[in-house]
Structure formats: structure tokens, C-alpha cells
């Protein structure tokens, strides 16, 4: 069962478009909406609970089928900033390039989203 969406599709897509057009000049609420929308997109295309993707302070989502965890920090975690997340989620930046630059903090053998990117 896919997760319930909290961000309306049209509003989320519009936020991503606004971020894409002006990046650094994008207002914080728009960035937050774009991040939350793209995280929900990830959960929709890769349902599951074996990997947790965190984009503080805007959101986190569990995705990808496999062994799930019930307490504490999951074994497969991806954490990054909003700018990097939106860049990889929209295909503006390659996953491997972001990882090589240190912009992604990745732990666990299942924590690779290459097969699901770009999302939007």
C-alpha cells in the first residue's frame, strides 16, 4: 500500500518547478514543499521500509522493499541537504557525483537510489 500523500500533486510539482527556475533565490517554504513532494514521489515509486532518506529539516521517508526495522536507527540511511536532494531528485546532478563530493551521507548496502532517479 503506497503511503498517503500530504502534499497535493499540483502544488508539489509547482514547487519543484519554482525551485528549478531560481534555485538559490527560492523561498524556504517553496524548498520545503518541493523536498516533501519529491520524498513522497520516492515513497510512491519505491515502496517499502528498508531505507530511510532524510533531508533535514524538511522531511524523511522510508522506501524500498526489504527487511524492515522497528526501533532505532535503520541499517540503511541516506541523509543530505535540500539543495543536493532536489538536484539528484530532478536529475540535475548525478547520484554518484553527489556521493563522491560528500554531499550524500550514505550507510548500508541497500542505500543506493540510482535505480529510482530522477523522480520529478
N, C-alpha and C. Protein backbone atom coordinates (compact mmCIF):
# COMPACT_ATOMS: atom_id res chain seq x y z
N UNK A 1 0.84 -1.18 0.00
CA UNK A 1 0.00 0.00 0.00
C UNK A 1 0.89 1.24 0.00
N UNK A 2 0.74 2.12 -0.99
CA UNK A 2 1.57 3.32 -1.03
C UNK A 2 1.23 4.26 0.11
N UNK A 3 2.20 5.05 0.53
CA UNK A 3 1.94 5.98 1.63
C UNK A 3 0.95 7.06 1.21
N UNK A 4 0.26 7.58 2.20
CA UNK A 4 -0.69 8.66 1.96
C UNK A 4 0.07 9.93 1.64
N UNK A 5 -0.37 10.60 0.60
CA UNK A 5 0.28 11.86 0.20
C UNK A 5 -0.24 13.00 1.05
N UNK A 6 0.68 13.84 1.50
CA UNK A 6 0.31 15.02 2.26
C UNK A 6 0.44 16.29 1.43
N UNK A 7 1.27 16.22 0.40
CA UNK A 7 1.47 17.37 -0.48
C UNK A 7 0.63 17.15 -1.73
N UNK A 8 -0.28 18.07 -2.04
CA UNK A 8 -1.06 17.94 -3.28
C UNK A 8 -0.13 17.88 -4.49
N UNK A 9 -0.44 17.00 -5.43
CA UNK A 9 0.43 16.79 -6.58
C UNK A 9 0.72 18.08 -7.34
N UNK A 10 -0.29 18.87 -7.62
CA UNK A 10 -0.09 20.10 -8.39
C UNK A 10 0.78 21.09 -7.64
N UNK A 11 0.54 21.24 -6.35
CA UNK A 11 1.33 22.17 -5.54
C UNK A 11 2.79 21.72 -5.45
N UNK A 12 2.99 20.43 -5.28
CA UNK A 12 4.35 19.89 -5.21
C UNK A 12 5.10 20.07 -6.52
N UNK A 13 4.45 19.74 -7.62
CA UNK A 13 5.09 19.90 -8.93
C UNK A 13 5.41 21.37 -9.20
N UNK A 14 4.53 22.25 -8.78
CA UNK A 14 4.78 23.69 -8.96
C UNK A 14 5.97 24.14 -8.11
N UNK A 15 6.08 23.63 -6.90
CA UNK A 15 7.21 23.98 -6.04
C UNK A 15 8.54 23.52 -6.64
N UNK A 16 8.54 22.32 -7.21
CA UNK A 16 9.75 21.82 -7.86
C UNK A 16 10.10 22.70 -9.06
N UNK A 17 9.10 23.09 -9.83
CA UNK A 17 9.33 23.97 -10.99
C UNK A 17 9.91 25.31 -10.54
N UNK A 18 9.34 25.89 -9.49
CA UNK A 18 9.85 27.17 -8.97
C UNK A 18 11.30 27.03 -8.50
N UNK A 19 11.60 25.94 -7.80
CA UNK A 19 12.97 25.71 -7.34
C UNK A 19 13.90 25.58 -8.54
N UNK A 20 13.47 24.83 -9.53
CA UNK A 20 14.31 24.60 -10.71
C UNK A 20 14.61 25.90 -11.45
N UNK A 21 13.66 26.80 -11.50
CA UNK A 21 13.85 28.06 -12.22
C UNK A 21 14.75 29.04 -11.50
N UNK A 22 14.74 29.03 -10.17
CA UNK A 22 15.51 30.06 -9.47
C UNK A 22 16.45 29.56 -8.38
N UNK A 23 16.49 28.29 -8.11
CA UNK A 23 17.36 27.63 -7.14
C UNK A 23 17.68 28.44 -5.89
N UNK A 24 18.80 29.14 -5.87
CA UNK A 24 19.25 29.83 -4.65
C UNK A 24 18.27 30.91 -4.20
N UNK A 25 17.52 31.48 -5.13
CA UNK A 25 16.59 32.55 -4.77
C UNK A 25 15.22 32.03 -4.36
N UNK A 26 15.05 30.72 -4.29
CA UNK A 26 13.76 30.14 -3.94
C UNK A 26 13.50 30.30 -2.45
N UNK A 27 12.29 30.73 -2.12
CA UNK A 27 11.90 30.92 -0.73
C UNK A 27 11.88 29.59 0.03
N UNK A 28 12.20 29.64 1.29
CA UNK A 28 12.29 28.44 2.13
C UNK A 28 11.00 27.61 2.11
N UNK A 29 9.81 28.21 2.20
CA UNK A 29 8.59 27.38 2.15
C UNK A 29 8.44 26.62 0.83
N UNK A 30 8.90 27.21 -0.26
CA UNK A 30 8.83 26.54 -1.56
C UNK A 30 9.80 25.36 -1.58
N UNK A 31 11.01 25.57 -1.07
CA UNK A 31 12.00 24.49 -1.00
C UNK A 31 11.45 23.35 -0.13
N UNK A 32 10.86 23.69 1.00
CA UNK A 32 10.30 22.67 1.89
C UNK A 32 9.23 21.86 1.17
N UNK A 33 8.36 22.52 0.45
CA UNK A 33 7.30 21.83 -0.27
C UNK A 33 7.87 20.95 -1.38
N UNK A 34 8.87 21.46 -2.09
CA UNK A 34 9.50 20.68 -3.16
C UNK A 34 10.17 19.43 -2.60
N UNK A 35 10.85 19.56 -1.47
CA UNK A 35 11.52 18.41 -0.84
C UNK A 35 10.49 17.39 -0.40
N UNK A 36 9.45 17.83 0.29
CA UNK A 36 8.44 16.90 0.78
C UNK A 36 7.73 16.18 -0.37
N UNK A 37 7.43 16.93 -1.41
CA UNK A 37 6.79 16.33 -2.59
C UNK A 37 7.69 15.27 -3.22
N UNK A 38 8.97 15.59 -3.39
CA UNK A 38 9.88 14.63 -4.03
C UNK A 38 10.12 13.41 -3.14
N UNK A 39 10.13 13.59 -1.84
CA UNK A 39 10.25 12.44 -0.94
C UNK A 39 9.01 11.54 -1.05
N UNK A 40 7.84 12.16 -1.16
CA UNK A 40 6.62 11.37 -1.34
C UNK A 40 6.65 10.64 -2.68
N UNK A 41 7.21 11.27 -3.70
CA UNK A 41 7.36 10.62 -5.00
C UNK A 41 8.23 9.38 -4.87
N UNK A 42 9.33 9.51 -4.13
CA UNK A 42 10.23 8.37 -3.92
C UNK A 42 9.49 7.23 -3.23
N UNK A 43 8.73 7.54 -2.19
CA UNK A 43 7.99 6.51 -1.47
C UNK A 43 6.94 5.85 -2.37
N UNK A 44 6.42 6.60 -3.33
CA UNK A 44 5.41 6.04 -4.24
C UNK A 44 6.04 5.11 -5.27
N UNK A 45 7.22 5.45 -5.78
CA UNK A 45 7.85 4.62 -6.82
C UNK A 45 8.69 3.48 -6.23
N UNK A 46 9.08 3.62 -4.96
CA UNK A 46 9.90 2.59 -4.31
C UNK A 46 9.32 2.29 -2.92
N UNK A 47 8.12 1.73 -2.87
CA UNK A 47 7.51 1.48 -1.56
C UNK A 47 8.29 0.46 -0.75
N UNK A 48 8.25 0.64 0.54
CA UNK A 48 8.92 -0.27 1.44
C UNK A 48 9.43 0.47 2.65
N UNK A 49 10.20 -0.25 3.48
CA UNK A 49 10.71 0.37 4.71
C UNK A 49 12.13 -0.06 5.03
N UNK A 50 12.92 -0.39 4.02
CA UNK A 50 14.28 -0.87 4.32
C UNK A 50 15.32 0.24 4.26
N UNK A 51 14.99 1.38 3.65
CA UNK A 51 15.93 2.50 3.54
C UNK A 51 15.22 3.75 4.02
N UNK A 52 15.91 4.55 4.81
CA UNK A 52 15.35 5.83 5.25
C UNK A 52 16.13 6.95 4.59
N UNK A 53 15.41 7.86 3.94
CA UNK A 53 16.01 9.03 3.30
C UNK A 53 15.64 10.25 4.13
N UNK A 54 16.66 10.98 4.57
CA UNK A 54 16.45 12.15 5.44
C UNK A 54 16.97 13.40 4.75
N UNK A 55 16.14 14.42 4.75
CA UNK A 55 16.52 15.73 4.22
C UNK A 55 16.15 16.76 5.29
N UNK A 56 16.99 16.87 6.32
CA UNK A 56 16.66 17.78 7.42
C UNK A 56 16.76 19.24 6.96
N UNK A 57 15.93 20.10 7.47
CA UNK A 57 14.87 19.87 8.45
C UNK A 57 13.51 19.61 7.81
N UNK A 58 13.48 19.31 6.53
CA UNK A 58 12.22 19.31 5.80
C UNK A 58 11.46 17.99 5.80
N UNK A 59 12.15 16.86 5.88
CA UNK A 59 11.40 15.62 5.87
C UNK A 59 12.27 14.38 5.80
N UNK A 60 11.60 13.26 5.95
CA UNK A 60 12.24 11.95 5.85
C UNK A 60 11.20 10.97 5.38
N UNK A 61 11.65 9.92 4.72
CA UNK A 61 10.73 8.91 4.22
C UNK A 61 11.43 7.56 4.23
N UNK A 62 10.65 6.52 4.43
CA UNK A 62 11.17 5.17 4.31
C UNK A 62 10.72 4.62 2.96
N UNK A 63 11.60 3.87 2.32
CA UNK A 63 11.31 3.37 0.99
C UNK A 63 12.06 2.07 0.74
N UNK A 64 11.85 1.49 -0.40
CA UNK A 64 12.49 0.29 -0.94
C UNK A 64 12.13 -0.95 -0.12
N UNK A 65 11.61 -1.94 -0.82
CA UNK A 65 11.23 -3.19 -0.19
C UNK A 65 12.45 -3.91 0.37
N UNK A 66 12.20 -4.69 1.39
CA UNK A 66 13.27 -5.47 2.00
C UNK A 66 13.04 -5.56 3.49
N UNK A 67 14.07 -5.97 4.20
CA UNK A 67 13.99 -6.11 5.64
C UNK A 67 13.67 -4.76 6.27
N UNK A 68 12.72 -4.75 7.16
CA UNK A 68 12.33 -3.52 7.82
C UNK A 68 12.90 -3.49 9.23
N UNK A 69 12.96 -2.30 9.76
CA UNK A 69 13.39 -2.14 11.15
C UNK A 69 12.22 -1.60 11.94
N UNK A 70 12.23 -1.81 13.24
CA UNK A 70 11.11 -1.34 14.05
C UNK A 70 11.50 -0.31 15.09
N UNK A 71 12.77 -0.28 15.48
CA UNK A 71 13.19 0.68 16.52
C UNK A 71 14.59 1.17 16.22
N UNK A 72 14.85 2.40 16.64
CA UNK A 72 16.19 2.95 16.49
C UNK A 72 16.52 3.36 15.07
N UNK A 73 17.79 3.56 14.83
CA UNK A 73 18.26 3.97 13.51
C UNK A 73 18.26 2.78 12.56
N UNK A 74 17.66 2.95 11.39
CA UNK A 74 17.65 1.84 10.43
C UNK A 74 19.05 1.55 9.90
N UNK A 75 19.29 0.35 9.40
CA UNK A 75 20.62 -0.01 8.91
C UNK A 75 20.99 0.68 7.59
N UNK A 76 20.00 1.13 6.84
CA UNK A 76 20.25 1.77 5.55
C UNK A 76 19.69 3.20 5.59
N UNK A 77 20.59 4.17 5.62
CA UNK A 77 20.19 5.57 5.76
C UNK A 77 20.89 6.42 4.72
N UNK A 78 20.14 7.34 4.16
CA UNK A 78 20.68 8.36 3.26
C UNK A 78 20.30 9.70 3.85
N UNK A 79 21.26 10.57 4.01
CA UNK A 79 20.98 11.91 4.54
C UNK A 79 21.70 12.94 3.69
N UNK A 80 21.01 14.02 3.39
CA UNK A 80 21.60 15.08 2.59
C UNK A 80 20.86 16.39 2.84
N UNK A 81 21.39 17.46 2.30
CA UNK A 81 20.75 18.76 2.40
C UNK A 81 19.69 18.91 1.30
N UNK A 82 18.85 19.91 1.42
CA UNK A 82 17.74 20.11 0.48
C UNK A 82 18.23 20.37 -0.94
N UNK A 83 19.25 21.19 -1.08
CA UNK A 83 19.75 21.52 -2.42
C UNK A 83 20.24 20.26 -3.15
N UNK A 84 21.05 19.46 -2.48
CA UNK A 84 21.56 18.24 -3.10
C UNK A 84 20.42 17.29 -3.41
N UNK A 85 19.50 17.12 -2.47
CA UNK A 85 18.38 16.21 -2.69
C UNK A 85 17.58 16.62 -3.93
N UNK A 86 17.25 17.89 -4.03
CA UNK A 86 16.46 18.33 -5.18
C UNK A 86 17.25 18.19 -6.47
N UNK A 87 18.54 18.41 -6.42
CA UNK A 87 19.36 18.24 -7.62
C UNK A 87 19.34 16.78 -8.10
N UNK A 88 19.52 15.82 -7.20
CA UNK A 88 19.52 14.42 -7.63
C UNK A 88 18.10 13.95 -7.95
N UNK A 89 17.11 14.44 -7.22
CA UNK A 89 15.73 14.03 -7.47
C UNK A 89 15.22 14.50 -8.82
N UNK A 90 15.74 15.63 -9.30
CA UNK A 90 15.29 16.17 -10.59
C UNK A 90 16.23 15.82 -11.73
N UNK A 91 17.32 15.12 -11.43
CA UNK A 91 18.26 14.75 -12.48
C UNK A 91 19.25 15.83 -12.85
N UNK A 92 19.30 16.89 -12.05
CA UNK A 92 20.26 17.96 -12.31
C UNK A 92 21.67 17.59 -11.87
N UNK A 93 21.75 16.58 -11.01
CA UNK A 93 23.05 16.12 -10.50
C UNK A 93 23.02 14.60 -10.44
N UNK A 94 24.08 13.99 -10.82
CA UNK A 94 24.21 12.54 -10.81
C UNK A 94 24.39 12.05 -9.37
N UNK A 95 23.74 10.93 -9.04
CA UNK A 95 23.84 10.34 -7.71
C UNK A 95 25.30 10.08 -7.33
N UNK A 96 26.03 9.47 -8.23
CA UNK A 96 27.43 9.14 -7.94
C UNK A 96 28.26 10.39 -7.72
N UNK A 97 28.04 11.43 -8.50
CA UNK A 97 28.78 12.68 -8.33
C UNK A 97 28.47 13.31 -6.98
N UNK A 98 27.22 13.27 -6.57
CA UNK A 98 26.86 13.81 -5.26
C UNK A 98 27.51 13.01 -4.14
N UNK A 99 27.54 11.69 -4.31
CA UNK A 99 28.16 10.83 -3.31
C UNK A 99 29.66 11.09 -3.24
N UNK A 100 30.30 11.15 -4.41
CA UNK A 100 31.75 11.40 -4.46
C UNK A 100 32.13 12.74 -3.85
N UNK A 101 31.27 13.73 -3.98
CA UNK A 101 31.57 15.06 -3.44
C UNK A 101 31.36 15.14 -1.93
N UNK A 102 30.74 14.11 -1.36
CA UNK A 102 30.47 14.12 0.08
C UNK A 102 29.16 14.78 0.45
N UNK A 103 28.36 15.13 -0.54
CA UNK A 103 27.07 15.77 -0.28
C UNK A 103 26.02 14.80 0.23
N UNK A 104 26.22 13.52 -0.03
CA UNK A 104 25.33 12.48 0.46
C UNK A 104 26.04 11.71 1.56
N UNK A 105 25.35 11.50 2.66
CA UNK A 105 25.88 10.63 3.71
C UNK A 105 25.06 9.35 3.64
N UNK A 106 25.72 8.28 3.27
CA UNK A 106 25.04 7.02 2.96
C UNK A 106 25.62 5.91 3.82
N UNK A 107 24.72 5.11 4.41
CA UNK A 107 25.17 3.93 5.15
C UNK A 107 24.25 2.76 4.79
N UNK A 108 24.81 1.59 4.73
CA UNK A 108 24.05 0.39 4.44
C UNK A 108 24.17 -0.02 2.99
N UNK A 109 24.13 -1.32 2.75
CA UNK A 109 24.33 -1.85 1.41
C UNK A 109 23.13 -1.62 0.48
N UNK A 110 21.96 -1.31 1.01
CA UNK A 110 20.78 -1.08 0.17
C UNK A 110 20.54 0.41 -0.10
N UNK A 111 21.37 1.27 0.45
CA UNK A 111 21.15 2.71 0.37
C UNK A 111 21.70 3.31 -0.92
N UNK A 112 21.13 2.89 -2.03
CA UNK A 112 21.51 3.43 -3.34
C UNK A 112 20.22 3.67 -4.12
N UNK A 113 19.95 4.92 -4.47
CA UNK A 113 18.71 5.27 -5.14
C UNK A 113 18.86 5.43 -6.64
N UNK A 114 20.00 5.04 -7.19
CA UNK A 114 20.27 5.23 -8.61
C UNK A 114 19.14 4.70 -9.49
N UNK A 115 18.58 3.56 -9.15
CA UNK A 115 17.54 2.94 -9.97
C UNK A 115 16.22 3.73 -9.97
N UNK A 116 16.05 4.64 -9.01
CA UNK A 116 14.79 5.37 -8.88
C UNK A 116 14.89 6.83 -9.29
N UNK A 117 16.07 7.27 -9.68
CA UNK A 117 16.27 8.69 -10.02
C UNK A 117 16.40 8.88 -11.51
N UNK A 118 16.01 10.02 -12.04
CA UNK A 118 15.33 11.13 -11.37
C UNK A 118 13.87 10.81 -11.08
N UNK A 119 13.34 11.50 -10.10
CA UNK A 119 11.96 11.29 -9.65
C UNK A 119 10.98 12.23 -10.33
N UNK A 120 11.37 13.48 -10.44
CA UNK A 120 10.45 14.51 -10.98
C UNK A 120 11.13 15.28 -12.07
